[in-house]
Amino acid sequence: MSSYSPDLKAQIVKKMMPPNNQSIAQISRESGIHVATLYTWKKQFQAKGFVVPLSSTVWL
């Protein structure tokens, strides 16, 4: 199991947020981080009050 730094997580989640609005599938392909991991990070940031779009279309 990989361990990712909080800074990397924040950078990745920032890509999901406006104005970037990248899909989780696209970020997964670019970063090599599994889609499920990215969804978990997204939920964690939403729980902290960050505005991350609720839905991201996954096109694999």
C-alpha atoms as a PDB file:
ATOM      1  CA  MET A   1       0.000   0.000   0.000  1.00  0.00           C
ATOM      2  CA  SER A   2       1.384   3.363  -1.023  1.00  0.00           C
ATOM      3  CA  SER A   3       1.663   6.314   1.296  1.00  0.00           C
ATOM      4  CA  TYR A   4       1.110   9.786  -0.119  1.00  0.00           C
ATOM      5  CA  SER A   5       2.099  13.093   1.433  1.00  0.00           C
ATOM      6  CA  PRO A   6      -0.586  15.564   2.501  1.00  0.00           C
ATOM      7  CA  ASP A   7       0.869  18.055   0.008  1.00  0.00           C
ATOM      8  CA  LEU A   8       0.467  15.636  -2.892  1.00  0.00           C
ATOM      9  CA  LYS A   9      -3.105  14.870  -1.837  1.00  0.00           C
ATOM     10  CA  ALA A  10      -3.913  18.593  -1.741  1.00  0.00           C
ATOM     11  CA  GLN A  11      -2.355  19.144  -5.179  1.00  0.00           C
ATOM     12  CA  ILE A  12      -4.332  16.267  -6.672  1.00  0.00           C
ATOM     13  CA  VAL A  13      -7.647  17.329  -5.111  1.00  0.00           C
ATOM     14  CA  LYS A  14      -7.020  20.888  -6.298  1.00  0.00           C
ATOM     15  CA  LYS A  15      -7.108  19.527  -9.864  1.00  0.00           C
ATOM     16  CA  MET A  16     -10.697  18.354  -9.194  1.00  0.00           C
ATOM     17  CA  MET A  17     -11.777  21.819  -8.072  1.00  0.00           C
ATOM     18  CA  PRO A  18     -12.727  24.852 -10.188  1.00  0.00           C
ATOM     19  CA  PRO A  19     -11.314  26.221 -12.416  1.00  0.00           C
ATOM     20  CA  ASN A  20      -9.518  22.977 -13.344  1.00  0.00           C
ATOM     21  CA  ASN A  21     -12.455  20.565 -12.926  1.00  0.00           C
ATOM     22  CA  GLN A  22     -10.468  17.558 -14.126  1.00  0.00           C
ATOM     23  CA  SER A  23     -12.253  14.235 -13.909  1.00  0.00           C
ATOM     24  CA  ILE A  24     -11.079  11.632 -11.439  1.00  0.00           C
ATOM     25  CA  ALA A  25     -10.523   9.207 -14.319  1.00  0.00           C
ATOM     26  CA  GLN A  26      -8.228  11.682 -16.068  1.00  0.00           C
ATOM     27  CA  ILE A  27      -6.280  12.410 -12.895  1.00  0.00           C
ATOM     28  CA  SER A  28      -5.962   8.668 -12.259  1.00  0.00           C
ATOM     29  CA  ARG A  29      -4.545   8.061 -15.729  1.00  0.00           C
ATOM     30  CA  GLU A  30      -2.074  10.941 -15.386  1.00  0.00           C
ATOM     31  CA  SER A  31      -0.931  10.207 -11.834  1.00  0.00           C
ATOM     32  CA  GLY A  32      -1.205   6.428 -11.652  1.00  0.00           C
ATOM     33  CA  ILE A  33      -3.231   6.732  -8.446  1.00  0.00           C
ATOM     34  CA  HIS A  34      -6.222   4.370  -8.279  1.00  0.00           C
ATOM     35  CA  VAL A  35      -9.677   5.884  -8.827  1.00  0.00           C
ATOM     36  CA  ALA A  36     -10.952   4.605  -5.451  1.00  0.00           C
ATOM     37  CA  THR A  37      -8.092   6.377  -3.672  1.00  0.00           C
ATOM     38  CA  LEU A  38      -8.917   9.638  -5.438  1.00  0.00           C
ATOM     39  CA  TYR A  39     -12.604   9.358  -4.463  1.00  0.00           C
ATOM     40  CA  THR A  40     -11.536   8.800  -0.845  1.00  0.00           C
ATOM     41  CA  TRP A  41      -9.360  11.909  -0.909  1.00  0.00           C
ATOM     42  CA  LYS A  42     -12.190  13.892  -2.479  1.00  0.00           C
ATOM     43  CA  LYS A  43     -14.592  12.831   0.295  1.00  0.00           C
ATOM     44  CA  GLN A  44     -12.015  13.702   2.958  1.00  0.00           C
ATOM     45  CA  PHE A  45     -11.554  17.211   1.565  1.00  0.00           C
ATOM     46  CA  GLN A  46     -15.330  17.710   1.239  1.00  0.00           C
ATOM     47  CA  ALA A  47     -15.731  16.692   4.891  1.00  0.00           C
ATOM     48  CA  LYS A  48     -13.228  19.415   5.835  1.00  0.00           C
ATOM     49  CA  GLY A  49     -15.357  22.015   4.045  1.00  0.00           C
ATOM     50  CA  PHE A  50     -13.497  22.338   0.762  1.00  0.00           C
ATOM     51  CA  VAL A  51     -15.645  22.908  -2.297  1.00  0.00           C
ATOM     52  CA  VAL A  52     -15.053  19.918  -4.528  1.00  0.00           C
ATOM     53  CA  PRO A  53     -17.735  19.170  -7.126  1.00  0.00           C
ATOM     54  CA  LEU A  54     -20.021  16.397  -5.925  1.00  0.00           C
ATOM     55  CA  SER A  55     -20.078  14.539  -9.207  1.00  0.00           C
ATOM     56  CA  SER A  56     -17.280  13.716 -11.558  1.00  0.00           C
ATOM     57  CA  THR A  57     -18.075  11.717 -14.640  1.00  0.00           C
ATOM     58  CA  VAL A  58     -15.806   8.715 -14.839  1.00  0.00           C
ATOM     59  CA  TRP A  59     -14.823   7.845 -18.382  1.00  0.00           C
ATOM     60  CA  LEU A  60     -12.418   4.931 -18.350  1.00  0.00           C
END
